[in-house]
Amino acid sequence: MADFSIEYSETTGIVGVSSFSIKDTFESLEDGYMVSQICEGFGFLAISNINGECNVLVYDGDVTVWKVFDFSTNTITQ
């Protein structure tokens, strides 16, 4: 079963499909820690707290890279 975040649901307007919150997960992490969390909507594999900034692990071609998640726009940046 696919997991979709509350933030993805808010961005798309799709109701009733969210199963976790990126923000809540991020806020539960100490600096330097990560948790495996797949979000089918945004297409990421994990969430981390890097220097107090929310990062998500995404595929970029054949490699995975950490990119910043912006809560003000609910988008993946950088």
Protein backbone atom coordinates (compact mmCIF):
# COMPACT_ATOMS: atom_id res chain seq x y z
CA MET A 1 0.00 0.00 0.00
CA ALA A 2 1.27 3.46 -0.87
CA ASP A 3 2.01 6.06 1.80
CA PHE A 4 1.13 9.68 1.18
CA SER A 5 2.01 12.53 3.53
CA ILE A 6 -0.39 15.08 4.95
CA GLU A 7 1.72 17.74 3.21
CA TYR A 8 1.23 16.01 -0.16
CA SER A 9 -2.53 15.84 0.43
CA GLU A 10 -2.59 19.56 1.26
CA THR A 11 -0.62 20.38 -1.90
CA THR A 12 -2.80 18.34 -4.24
CA GLY A 13 -6.13 18.78 -2.49
CA ILE A 14 -6.61 15.01 -2.40
CA VAL A 15 -8.47 14.18 0.81
CA GLY A 16 -8.23 11.03 2.88
CA VAL A 17 -5.02 9.50 1.52
CA SER A 18 -2.47 10.76 4.03
CA SER A 19 -0.88 8.35 6.48
CA PHE A 20 1.91 10.41 8.07
CA SER A 21 3.20 13.97 8.46
CA ILE A 22 6.61 14.98 7.12
CA LYS A 23 6.74 17.84 9.62
CA ASP A 24 5.86 15.65 12.62
CA THR A 25 8.42 13.05 11.55
CA PHE A 26 11.10 15.71 11.03
CA GLU A 27 10.38 17.36 14.38
CA SER A 28 10.77 14.01 16.15
CA LEU A 29 14.33 13.60 14.81
CA GLU A 30 17.44 14.80 16.61
CA ASP A 31 19.99 16.66 14.51
CA GLY A 32 21.96 14.26 12.33
CA TYR A 33 19.35 11.50 12.40
CA MET A 34 17.15 10.07 9.66
CA VAL A 35 14.23 7.68 9.36
CA SER A 36 13.21 5.52 6.44
CA GLN A 37 9.85 6.86 5.24
CA ILE A 38 8.58 6.42 1.70
CA CYS A 39 6.20 9.05 0.34
CA GLU A 40 4.66 7.92 -2.93
CA GLY A 41 3.28 11.41 -3.58
CA PHE A 42 6.55 13.35 -3.37
CA GLY A 43 8.62 10.32 -4.37
CA PHE A 44 11.12 10.23 -1.52
CA LEU A 45 12.65 7.40 0.52
CA ALA A 46 13.67 8.94 3.86
CA ILE A 47 13.46 12.05 6.04
CA SER A 48 16.42 13.54 7.92
CA ASN A 49 17.30 16.42 10.21
CA ILE A 50 20.52 17.93 8.90
CA ASN A 51 21.58 21.00 10.88
CA GLY A 52 17.96 21.71 11.82
CA GLU A 53 16.77 21.54 8.21
CA CYS A 54 14.34 18.96 6.87
CA ASN A 55 15.88 16.89 4.08
CA VAL A 56 14.37 14.07 2.04
CA LEU A 57 16.19 11.37 0.10
CA VAL A 58 15.20 11.28 -3.57
CA TYR A 59 16.40 9.57 -6.72
CA ASP A 60 18.33 11.83 -9.10
CA GLY A 61 19.01 9.70 -12.13
CA ASP A 62 20.89 6.61 -10.96
CA VAL A 63 21.85 7.99 -7.53
CA THR A 64 20.07 9.10 -4.40
CA VAL A 65 20.61 12.60 -3.03
CA TRP A 66 19.38 14.61 -0.04
CA LYS A 67 17.22 17.60 -0.93
CA VAL A 68 15.61 20.20 1.31
CA PHE A 69 11.87 20.03 2.01
CA ASP A 70 10.28 23.49 2.29
CA PHE A 71 7.29 23.48 4.65
CA SER A 72 6.15 26.96 3.59
CA THR A 73 5.40 25.71 0.07
CA ASN A 74 5.31 21.93 0.65
CA THR A 75 7.89 21.38 -2.06
CA ILE A 76 11.27 19.72 -2.44
CA THR A 77 13.92 22.34 -3.28
CA GLN A 78 17.57 22.46 -4.40
